Amino acid sequence: MSITHIVSIANSLIEKVIMTTTQPAPAVSGSKSSLDKRAWGIVLFLFLFFTLNFADKAAVGLASVQIREDLGLSASQYGLLSSAFFWMFAIGAVVLSAALRKISYTWGAGLLMLSWVLCMAPLMVQTSFGVLVASRIALGFFEGPAHALCQSIVADRFAPERRAFAGAIVNAGSSIGPLIAAPTLTWVILTWHWHAAFIVLVAVGLMWLVGWFWFSERLPFRKSVSSLVGAKTDVDPNGHITVPFYRLLMLRSFWGLVMLSFAGYLISSLKVAWLPAYLREGLGYSASSVGTLVTLPYAVAVVVLLSAGMISGRLLRRGHSSRVARGYLTTAFLLFGGLSMIMFTRLDPGPLQLLLVVCGFAVNSVAFSVAFAGASDFLPAHQRVAFFGCIIAAYSVAGIVAPYVLGVIVDHAATPAEGYATGFLYVGITVCVLGVIGGLMLDPERARARLEALTKQYAAGAGR
């Protein structure tokens, strides 16, 4: 399937979404309809942005066998390489998210993509383990703020009841990226070499840059009030909230989001780093079969993610609280994934086990779309990117620890299959525990009420 074909399908999907999710515009609001189309067009580009974001993460996992053979790496060393991506991820999430608050979204997304291309460029040719590690560290630094930036752009352009679904479409790129990359890059790797996979990724990144600057609004480099022209709401519904940023980090809902997203990212990091190796070394599938089988969790994840976004919006429209529509819903999906993971570690290889593997690795992105939409329900717009950046910095620790620890467990087990089973059992239990605690702590209505009370206290103190 060509890139042109994929974009054509995506455009058709977006057009259907616009027709089914937007309210009929009055006859006098032709400009509003135009703004709707631009907003959904931005969603399409951000979806492609996330698609490449996760395709480049998947590339090292898909090439794990060749990389380990070429560089003579043990499972522990490969786990260290996989975790290297996250060493500077948290710093990038916080530092660059803060910097992006002052830059228009057009330039912010464009500069991030350019940085990714430059970080991947050294891997297009024969290289050393040190260069490979340095490239992954740098790439992680520049990918750190990507999710925060995308969610902030979506939140600026969509009302609360549509926000989760629009964010889910963007986050679907986290599954579509590896879904497209798995068979495509596996074929490239097996036909030529793992370096060729990064040549493909660099070329696609440059194509996205050209399309982005052609389509997006012609905004100045520095952000101004006019940067929000085209937002779905003319007034920020939480704009009246004015509290010091550190008070946001003291909210129960902040820590609830940290736990939910940490649980989701445990699954995400291991899916990218170890799922191909697990299918081959732990379950005994051939290299060509792995290229197909590894796509299944990503394909199901797209359905799960879009369904979760639609369910969340429907619950809000039917009068359910944001706590139910965001927090409890996310918990339900994470519990399902964690229990599936626990169960597949207890079964012998076969269709039932493979079904549970798919289920266990398909729910992770719900924590980054539905739950994050809950944060937008109580955050003032100008503090969203930095707030999301802090959450990303916290959950990125999962990406640092999980791939390396799993590699150590595999190295010290009697067999690779036993090591994978033990490691994923621990992960499944952790996901269930964090999912329940995080869902109970995330309460957007309570957080908003608390911030409004603090705003009045600070205003009263300033007036004395």
Protein backbone atom coordinates (compact mmCIF):
# COMPACT_ATOMS: atom_id res chain seq x y z
CA MET A 1 0.00 0.00 0.00
CA SER A 2 1.51 3.35 -1.05
CA ILE A 3 1.73 6.49 1.08
CA THR A 4 -0.61 8.23 -1.39
CA HIS A 5 -3.18 5.48 -0.95
CA ILE A 6 -2.93 5.68 2.84
CA VAL A 7 -3.39 9.46 2.82
CA SER A 8 -6.40 9.08 0.47
CA ILE A 9 -8.04 6.59 2.84
CA ALA A 10 -7.31 8.83 5.81
CA ASN A 11 -8.84 11.82 4.03
CA SER A 12 -12.00 9.81 3.35
CA LEU A 13 -12.17 8.80 7.00
CA ILE A 14 -11.82 12.40 8.17
CA GLU A 15 -14.58 13.54 5.79
CA LYS A 16 -16.94 10.91 7.22
CA VAL A 17 -16.00 11.89 10.76
CA ILE A 18 -16.76 15.54 10.00
CA MET A 19 -20.19 14.66 8.62
CA THR A 20 -21.09 12.42 11.56
CA THR A 21 -19.66 14.39 14.47
CA THR A 22 -20.20 18.06 13.66
CA GLN A 23 -23.48 19.88 14.19
CA PRO A 24 -25.21 21.32 11.13
CA ALA A 25 -23.97 24.85 10.58
CA PRO A 26 -26.43 27.71 10.20
CA ALA A 27 -26.72 29.22 6.76
CA VAL A 28 -24.81 32.28 7.86
CA SER A 29 -21.82 30.42 9.22
CA GLY A 30 -19.88 29.46 6.11
CA SER A 31 -16.65 30.56 7.76
CA LYS A 32 -17.41 28.28 10.72
CA SER A 33 -17.72 25.30 8.35
CA SER A 34 -14.37 26.26 6.82
CA LEU A 35 -12.80 26.38 10.28
CA ASP A 36 -14.25 22.93 11.04
CA LYS A 37 -12.60 21.53 7.93
CA ARG A 38 -9.27 23.11 8.82
CA ALA A 39 -9.49 21.73 12.35
CA TRP A 40 -10.09 18.21 11.04
CA GLY A 41 -7.34 18.70 8.49
CA ILE A 42 -4.97 19.56 11.32
CA VAL A 43 -6.13 16.38 13.06
CA LEU A 44 -5.20 14.41 9.93
CA PHE A 45 -1.71 15.88 9.85
CA LEU A 46 -1.22 15.30 13.57
CA PHE A 47 -2.38 11.72 13.05
CA LEU A 48 0.36 11.30 10.42
CA PHE A 49 2.77 13.07 12.78
CA PHE A 50 2.06 10.46 15.47
CA THR A 51 2.19 7.67 12.89
CA LEU A 52 5.81 8.50 12.08
CA ASN A 53 6.53 9.13 15.77
CA PHE A 54 5.70 5.52 16.58
CA ALA A 55 7.02 4.03 13.35
CA ASP A 56 10.52 5.23 14.23
CA LYS A 57 10.11 3.74 17.74
CA ALA A 58 9.10 0.40 16.20
CA ALA A 59 12.03 0.31 13.76
CA VAL A 60 14.63 -0.77 16.34
CA GLY A 61 12.31 -3.46 17.72
CA LEU A 62 11.63 -4.84 14.24
CA ALA A 63 15.36 -4.91 13.51
CA SER A 64 16.26 -6.29 16.95
CA VAL A 65 17.64 -9.61 15.67
CA GLN A 66 19.81 -8.00 12.96
CA ILE A 67 21.04 -5.28 15.34
CA ARG A 68 21.96 -7.81 18.02
CA GLU A 69 23.74 -10.00 15.48
CA ASP A 70 25.57 -7.08 13.80
CA LEU A 71 26.74 -5.55 17.07
CA GLY A 72 27.02 -8.73 19.13
CA LEU A 73 24.60 -7.60 21.84
CA SER A 74 23.13 -9.65 24.68
CA ALA A 75 19.47 -9.34 25.66
CA SER A 76 20.46 -7.00 28.52
CA GLN A 77 22.50 -4.79 26.18
CA TYR A 78 19.65 -4.65 23.68
CA GLY A 79 17.26 -3.78 26.53
CA LEU A 80 19.65 -0.96 27.50
CA LEU A 81 19.64 0.25 23.88
CA SER A 82 15.84 0.22 23.83
CA SER A 83 15.64 2.17 27.08
CA ALA A 84 18.19 4.75 25.80
CA PHE A 85 15.38 6.37 23.83
CA PHE A 86 13.81 7.37 27.15
CA TRP A 87 16.91 8.63 28.99
CA MET A 88 16.33 12.23 27.88
CA PHE A 89 12.65 11.81 27.04
CA ALA A 90 11.46 13.29 30.34
CA ILE A 91 13.81 16.27 30.08
CA GLY A 92 12.67 16.91 26.52
CA ALA A 93 9.03 16.62 27.56
CA VAL A 94 9.43 19.30 30.25
CA VAL A 95 11.99 21.66 28.68
CA LEU A 96 10.71 21.59 25.11
CA SER A 97 7.05 21.66 26.18
CA ALA A 98 7.80 24.87 28.09
CA ALA A 99 9.60 26.32 25.07
CA LEU A 100 6.78 25.34 22.69
CA ARG A 101 4.33 27.42 24.71
CA LYS A 102 5.93 30.48 23.10
CA ILE A 103 6.02 29.11 19.56
CA SER A 104 3.08 28.86 17.15
CA TYR A 105 1.85 25.34 16.55
CA THR A 106 2.84 25.51 12.87
CA TRP A 107 6.51 26.03 13.68
CA GLY A 108 6.47 23.87 16.81
CA ALA A 109 5.35 20.71 15.02
CA GLY A 110 7.54 21.49 12.00
CA LEU A 111 10.71 21.92 14.08
CA LEU A 112 10.03 18.71 16.00
CA MET A 113 9.70 16.73 12.77
CA LEU A 114 12.91 18.26 11.39
CA SER A 115 14.72 17.31 14.60
CA TRP A 116 13.49 13.70 14.30
CA VAL A 117 14.77 13.49 10.73
CA LEU A 118 18.20 14.78 11.74
CA CYS A 119 18.39 12.32 14.65
CA MET A 120 17.59 9.34 12.43
CA ALA A 121 19.93 10.37 9.61
CA PRO A 122 23.13 8.82 11.14
CA LEU A 123 21.43 5.40 11.18
CA MET A 124 21.05 5.33 7.39
CA VAL A 125 24.63 4.02 7.07
CA GLN A 126 26.86 1.51 8.90
CA THR A 127 27.40 2.72 12.43
CA SER A 128 28.61 1.74 15.88
CA PHE A 129 26.76 0.87 19.07
CA GLY A 130 27.75 4.25 20.57
CA VAL A 131 26.32 6.21 17.63
CA LEU A 132 23.16 4.11 17.72
CA VAL A 133 22.69 4.81 21.43
CA ALA A 134 23.43 8.54 20.98
CA SER A 135 20.93 8.76 18.12
CA ARG A 136 18.21 7.11 20.20
CA ILE A 137 18.90 9.41 23.16
CA ALA A 138 18.66 12.51 20.95
CA LEU A 139 15.52 11.23 19.22
CA GLY A 140 13.90 10.59 22.59
CA PHE A 141 14.70 14.14 23.71
CA PHE A 142 12.99 15.67 20.67
CA GLU A 143 10.03 13.29 20.74
CA GLY A 144 9.36 14.03 24.42
CA PRO A 145 6.94 16.96 23.89
CA ALA A 146 5.15 15.49 20.85
CA HIS A 147 2.14 14.13 22.69
CA ALA A 148 1.71 17.24 24.83
CA LEU A 149 1.84 19.48 21.75
CA CYS A 150 -0.68 17.37 19.81
CA GLN A 151 -3.16 17.16 22.69
CA SER A 152 -2.92 20.90 23.30
CA ILE A 153 -3.60 21.66 19.63
CA VAL A 154 -6.63 19.34 19.67
CA ALA A 155 -7.94 20.81 22.95
CA ASP A 156 -7.76 24.33 21.47
CA ARG A 157 -9.90 23.35 18.49
CA PHE A 158 -12.61 21.07 19.84
CA ALA A 159 -15.35 21.29 22.45
CA PRO A 160 -15.14 18.85 25.42
CA GLU A 161 -17.65 16.33 24.04
CA ARG A 162 -15.62 16.02 20.78
CA ARG A 163 -12.17 16.39 22.29
CA ALA A 164 -11.67 12.76 23.29
CA PHE A 165 -12.64 11.49 19.83
CA ALA A 166 -10.44 14.00 17.99
CA GLY A 167 -7.57 13.18 20.35
CA ALA A 168 -8.22 9.47 19.77
CA ILE A 169 -7.84 9.94 16.01
CA VAL A 170 -4.47 11.65 16.57
CA ASN A 171 -3.37 8.97 19.03
CA ALA A 172 -4.45 6.27 16.58
CA GLY A 173 -1.18 7.11 14.85
CA SER A 174 0.56 5.37 17.76
CA SER A 175 -0.99 2.14 16.47
CA ILE A 176 -1.17 2.90 12.75
CA GLY A 177 2.56 3.78 12.74
CA PRO A 178 3.76 0.35 13.85
CA LEU A 179 0.87 -1.30 11.96
CA ILE A 180 2.21 0.12 8.68
CA ALA A 181 5.84 -0.10 9.76
CA ALA A 182 5.75 -3.75 10.87
CA PRO A 183 5.17 -5.40 7.47
CA THR A 184 6.75 -2.59 5.44
CA LEU A 185 9.94 -2.14 7.45
CA THR A 186 10.26 -5.88 8.11
CA TRP A 187 10.26 -6.43 4.36
CA VAL A 188 12.79 -3.61 3.89
CA ILE A 189 15.00 -5.02 6.66
CA LEU A 190 14.88 -8.59 5.34
CA THR A 191 15.35 -7.51 1.72
CA TRP A 192 18.20 -5.05 2.30
CA HIS A 193 19.37 -4.17 5.82
CA TRP A 194 18.10 -2.50 8.98
CA HIS A 195 19.78 0.75 7.91
CA ALA A 196 17.43 0.90 4.91
CA ALA A 197 14.47 1.15 7.31
CA PHE A 198 15.78 4.50 8.55
CA ILE A 199 16.28 5.73 4.99
CA VAL A 200 12.55 5.14 4.45
CA LEU A 201 11.63 6.90 7.71
CA VAL A 202 13.77 9.94 6.91
CA ALA A 203 12.21 10.23 3.45
CA VAL A 204 8.65 10.05 4.84
CA GLY A 205 9.51 12.63 7.51
CA LEU A 206 10.68 15.09 4.86
CA MET A 207 7.48 14.51 2.87
CA TRP A 208 5.40 15.30 5.97
CA LEU A 209 7.33 18.53 6.52
CA VAL A 210 6.54 19.75 3.00
CA GLY A 211 2.84 18.92 3.36
CA TRP A 212 2.60 20.47 6.85
CA PHE A 213 3.99 23.86 5.90
CA TRP A 214 1.82 23.85 2.77
CA PHE A 215 -1.45 23.13 4.66
CA SER A 216 -1.11 24.66 8.13
CA GLU A 217 -1.86 28.28 8.93
CA ARG A 218 0.80 30.85 7.98
CA LEU A 219 1.63 31.89 11.52
CA PRO A 220 4.61 33.87 12.82
CA PHE A 221 7.28 31.94 14.71
CA ARG A 222 6.35 33.37 18.10
CA LYS A 223 2.87 32.55 19.38
CA SER A 224 0.34 35.36 19.61
CA VAL A 225 -3.37 35.67 20.27
CA SER A 226 -4.02 35.22 16.57
CA SER A 227 -2.44 31.75 16.80
CA LEU A 228 -5.69 30.47 18.19
CA VAL A 229 -7.79 31.67 15.27
CA GLY A 230 -9.77 28.66 14.18
CA ALA A 231 -10.15 27.25 17.66
CA LYS A 232 -13.47 25.62 18.25
CA THR A 233 -14.27 27.82 21.20
CA ASP A 234 -13.66 31.54 21.09
CA VAL A 235 -13.22 31.69 24.86
CA ASP A 236 -11.25 29.26 26.99
CA PRO A 237 -13.88 27.72 29.36
CA ASN A 238 -11.20 27.46 32.03
CA GLY A 239 -9.60 30.80 31.27
CA HIS A 240 -10.83 32.26 34.55
CA ILE A 241 -8.60 29.85 36.49
CA THR A 242 -5.36 31.54 37.49
CA VAL A 243 -3.17 29.61 39.92
CA PRO A 244 0.59 29.06 40.12
CA PHE A 245 1.65 26.14 37.98
CA TYR A 246 2.98 24.12 40.91
CA ARG A 247 -0.55 23.93 42.37
CA LEU A 248 -1.62 21.95 39.31
CA LEU A 249 0.98 19.32 40.19
CA MET A 250 -0.51 18.95 43.67
CA LEU A 251 -3.92 17.88 42.38
CA ARG A 252 -5.09 14.30 42.96
CA SER A 253 -6.11 14.22 39.31
CA PHE A 254 -2.54 14.99 38.22
CA TRP A 255 -1.24 11.93 40.07
CA GLY A 256 -4.17 9.88 38.82
CA LEU A 257 -3.16 10.78 35.27
CA VAL A 258 0.46 9.91 36.06
CA MET A 259 -0.56 6.42 37.22
CA LEU A 260 -2.90 5.76 34.31
CA SER A 261 -0.39 6.91 31.72
CA PHE A 262 2.48 5.09 33.48
CA ALA A 263 0.47 1.85 33.23
CA GLY A 264 -0.25 2.55 29.56
CA TYR A 265 3.38 3.33 28.80
CA LEU A 266 4.61 0.12 30.42
CA ILE A 267 2.66 -1.65 27.70
CA SER A 268 3.70 0.81 24.97
CA SER A 269 7.45 0.61 25.63
CA LEU A 270 7.48 -3.19 25.83
CA LYS A 271 5.29 -3.52 22.74
CA VAL A 272 7.73 -1.45 20.73
CA ALA A 273 10.96 -2.84 22.19
CA TRP A 274 10.22 -6.50 22.92
CA LEU A 275 7.03 -7.75 21.26
CA PRO A 276 8.74 -8.79 17.97
CA ALA A 277 11.51 -10.57 19.90
CA TYR A 278 8.96 -12.21 22.22
CA LEU A 279 6.95 -13.58 19.31
CA ARG A 280 10.10 -15.00 17.74
CA GLU A 281 12.22 -16.13 20.70
CA GLY A 282 9.52 -16.67 23.32
CA LEU A 283 6.76 -18.19 21.21
CA GLY A 284 8.81 -19.63 18.34
CA TYR A 285 7.29 -17.86 15.31
CA SER A 286 9.43 -17.33 12.18
CA ALA A 287 10.86 -13.92 11.28
CA SER A 288 8.44 -13.50 8.35
CA SER A 289 5.48 -14.52 10.51
CA VAL A 290 6.49 -12.03 13.20
CA GLY A 291 6.32 -9.22 10.64
CA THR A 292 2.63 -10.04 10.20
CA LEU A 293 1.66 -11.11 13.71
CA VAL A 294 3.16 -8.01 15.35
CA THR A 295 0.66 -5.88 13.42
CA LEU A 296 -2.35 -7.50 15.10
CA PRO A 297 -2.15 -5.63 18.45
CA TYR A 298 -1.71 -2.35 16.59
CA ALA A 299 -4.67 -3.02 14.30
CA VAL A 300 -6.93 -3.87 17.24
CA ALA A 301 -5.56 -0.86 19.14
CA VAL A 302 -6.94 1.49 16.46
CA VAL A 303 -10.44 0.09 16.95
CA VAL A 304 -10.08 0.17 20.74
CA LEU A 305 -8.79 3.74 20.74
CA LEU A 306 -11.47 5.20 18.47
CA SER A 307 -14.19 3.25 20.29
CA ALA A 308 -12.97 4.54 23.66
CA GLY A 309 -13.03 8.12 22.37
CA MET A 310 -16.57 7.72 21.04
CA ILE A 311 -17.78 6.06 24.26
CA SER A 312 -16.24 8.83 26.37
CA GLY A 313 -17.99 11.54 24.35
CA ARG A 314 -21.30 9.67 24.45
CA LEU A 315 -21.11 9.26 28.23
CA LEU A 316 -20.61 13.02 28.62
CA ARG A 317 -23.53 13.80 26.31
CA ARG A 318 -25.77 11.48 28.36
CA GLY A 319 -24.98 13.38 31.53
CA HIS A 320 -22.35 11.15 33.11
CA SER A 321 -19.56 12.85 35.03
CA SER A 322 -16.14 13.42 33.54
CA ARG A 323 -14.81 11.11 36.27
CA VAL A 324 -16.81 8.25 34.76
CA ALA A 325 -16.27 9.20 31.12
CA ARG A 326 -12.50 9.76 31.50
CA GLY A 327 -11.16 8.02 34.63
CA TYR A 328 -13.33 4.93 35.11
CA LEU A 329 -13.46 4.22 31.38
CA THR A 330 -9.66 4.29 31.13
CA THR A 331 -9.41 2.00 34.17
CA ALA A 332 -11.75 -0.53 32.56
CA PHE A 333 -9.59 -0.76 29.44
CA LEU A 334 -6.33 -1.02 31.39
CA LEU A 335 -7.77 -3.74 33.64
CA PHE A 336 -8.79 -5.71 30.57
CA GLY A 337 -5.29 -5.37 29.13
CA GLY A 338 -3.51 -6.20 32.37
CA LEU A 339 -5.63 -9.31 33.03
CA SER A 340 -5.10 -10.47 29.44
CA MET A 341 -1.34 -10.13 29.93
CA ILE A 342 -1.42 -12.13 33.16
CA MET A 343 -3.42 -14.88 31.48
CA PHE A 344 -1.26 -15.25 28.35
CA THR A 345 1.85 -15.82 30.47
CA ARG A 346 0.13 -18.91 31.99
CA LEU A 347 -0.79 -20.56 28.67
CA ASP A 348 1.11 -22.61 26.11
CA PRO A 349 1.62 -21.14 22.60
CA GLY A 350 -1.51 -21.39 20.50
CA PRO A 351 -4.49 -19.41 19.13
CA LEU A 352 -5.94 -18.58 22.57
CA GLN A 353 -2.60 -17.33 23.86
CA LEU A 354 -2.07 -15.23 20.72
CA LEU A 355 -5.56 -13.73 21.14
CA LEU A 356 -4.70 -12.70 24.71
CA VAL A 357 -1.35 -11.27 23.57
CA VAL A 358 -3.24 -9.08 21.09
CA CYS A 359 -5.70 -7.97 23.80
CA GLY A 360 -2.94 -7.29 26.32
CA PHE A 361 -1.02 -5.03 23.97
CA ALA A 362 -4.01 -3.23 22.39
CA VAL A 363 -5.31 -1.02 25.22
CA ASN A 364 -2.32 1.16 26.09
CA SER A 365 -3.18 4.26 24.06
CA VAL A 366 -6.51 4.82 25.81
CA ALA A 367 -4.55 6.25 28.74
CA PHE A 368 -3.07 8.92 26.45
CA SER A 369 -6.30 10.06 24.77
CA VAL A 370 -9.37 9.57 26.96
CA ALA A 371 -7.53 10.24 30.24
CA PHE A 372 -5.67 13.25 28.81
CA ALA A 373 -8.98 14.65 27.54
CA GLY A 374 -10.05 14.65 31.18
CA ALA A 375 -7.15 16.95 32.04
CA SER A 376 -8.28 19.41 29.37
CA ASP A 377 -11.64 19.56 31.16
CA PHE A 378 -10.12 21.50 34.07
CA LEU A 379 -6.90 23.06 32.75
CA PRO A 380 -6.62 26.65 31.46
CA ALA A 381 -5.40 26.56 27.87
CA HIS A 382 -2.11 28.38 28.47
CA GLN A 383 -0.98 25.75 31.01
CA ARG A 384 -1.95 22.60 29.09
CA VAL A 385 1.31 21.94 27.24
CA ALA A 386 3.49 22.32 30.34
CA PHE A 387 1.07 20.20 32.42
CA PHE A 388 1.03 17.45 29.82
CA GLY A 389 4.81 17.69 29.60
CA CYS A 390 5.14 16.96 33.31
CA ILE A 391 2.88 13.91 33.01
CA ILE A 392 4.91 12.68 30.05
CA ALA A 393 8.12 13.20 32.00
CA ALA A 394 6.71 11.04 34.82
CA TYR A 395 5.41 8.19 32.70
CA SER A 396 8.55 8.10 30.53
CA VAL A 397 10.27 6.45 33.50
CA ALA A 398 8.36 3.33 32.45
CA GLY A 399 10.15 3.47 29.11
CA ILE A 400 13.54 3.74 30.83
CA VAL A 401 13.01 0.90 33.28
CA ALA A 402 10.73 -1.65 31.60
CA PRO A 403 12.74 -2.60 28.46
CA TYR A 404 16.01 -2.95 30.41
CA VAL A 405 14.48 -4.91 33.31
CA LEU A 406 12.74 -7.30 30.94
CA GLY A 407 16.07 -7.86 29.15
CA VAL A 408 17.76 -8.68 32.48
CA ILE A 409 14.95 -11.10 33.40
CA VAL A 410 15.29 -12.86 30.01
CA ASP A 411 19.08 -13.11 30.38
CA HIS A 412 18.83 -14.70 33.84
CA ALA A 413 15.98 -17.11 33.06
CA ALA A 414 16.53 -20.78 32.22
CA THR A 415 15.01 -20.18 28.76
CA PRO A 416 13.92 -17.04 26.87
CA ALA A 417 10.29 -18.24 26.96
CA GLU A 418 10.40 -18.54 30.76
CA GLY A 419 12.00 -15.11 31.09
CA TYR A 420 9.36 -13.42 28.92
CA ALA A 421 6.54 -15.14 30.82
CA THR A 422 7.90 -14.00 34.18
CA GLY A 423 8.48 -10.43 33.00
CA PHE A 424 5.07 -9.97 31.39
CA LEU A 425 3.35 -11.49 34.44
CA TYR A 426 4.84 -8.74 36.62
CA VAL A 427 3.88 -6.10 34.08
CA GLY A 428 0.27 -7.32 33.89
CA ILE A 429 -0.12 -7.15 37.67
CA THR A 430 1.41 -3.65 37.78
CA VAL A 431 -0.92 -2.40 35.02
CA CYS A 432 -3.99 -3.63 36.92
CA VAL A 433 -2.92 -2.01 40.21
CA LEU A 434 -1.97 1.34 38.69
CA GLY A 435 -5.06 1.37 36.48
CA VAL A 436 -7.42 1.03 39.45
CA ILE A 437 -5.62 3.58 41.66
CA GLY A 438 -5.24 6.10 38.83
CA GLY A 439 -8.87 5.82 37.78
CA LEU A 440 -10.07 6.45 41.33
CA MET A 441 -7.83 9.53 41.65
CA LEU A 442 -8.75 11.17 38.32
CA ASP A 443 -11.76 13.42 38.96
CA PRO A 444 -11.88 16.39 36.55
CA GLU A 445 -14.95 18.03 38.19
CA ARG A 446 -13.32 17.94 41.61
CA ALA A 447 -10.05 19.26 40.18
CA ARG A 448 -11.84 22.14 38.44
CA ALA A 449 -13.71 23.06 41.63
CA ARG A 450 -10.47 23.00 43.59
CA LEU A 451 -8.73 25.26 41.06
CA GLU A 452 -11.65 27.71 41.08
CA ALA A 453 -11.50 27.86 44.88
CA LEU A 454 -7.74 28.49 44.77
CA THR A 455 -8.27 31.21 42.16
CA LYS A 456 -10.65 33.03 44.53
CA GLN A 457 -8.19 32.65 47.41
CA TYR A 458 -5.32 34.10 45.40
CA ALA A 459 -7.54 36.93 44.13
CA ALA A 460 -8.66 37.75 47.67
CA GLY A 461 -5.05 37.75 48.87
CA ALA A 462 -3.95 40.05 46.05
CA GLY A 463 -6.78 42.48 46.85
CA ARG A 464 -5.68 43.03 50.43
